[in-house]
């Protein structure tokens, strides 16, 4: 059986991906994971899963934080594009895309407890209306009717 290896980035100014072997659990691209980095337990994001590494003695991924990806492959592509134009590492850009509660190492709640984890803070419900028309004036007339 081949060993699965995850490339992991951190919310640091280090523009490098670090290899960790996947010892147990389901880990894929976009997952937040606990790993040991510089003798500290840190949260990292998996950017790639492969079967080869140039590093001999790999450390294991300690634990997957969530049961599904925090970032999508589209987020990863977008962050790589941004990296070409901005002075941030890939890890910093990806962590900027994650909502603040998840940057604080909280687990993503299951869908049945999402409403209790992120309570509605008294915001008024808004009716959103998207109108498709052939020209701008036609759409403005329709918007005015709705308002």
Foldseek 3Di string as FASTA:
>chain_A
DFWKKFFWDALDQDQGTDIATEPDDDDAAQWWFWFQDPNDTGIIGTHHIDRDDPDDDHHHGPGTQENDGQDDNVQLVVLVVVVVPDSGHSNNSSLVVGPVVVNVVHYQDDPVCNCVVPPDDPDDDDDDDDDDDDDDVVVVVVVVVVD
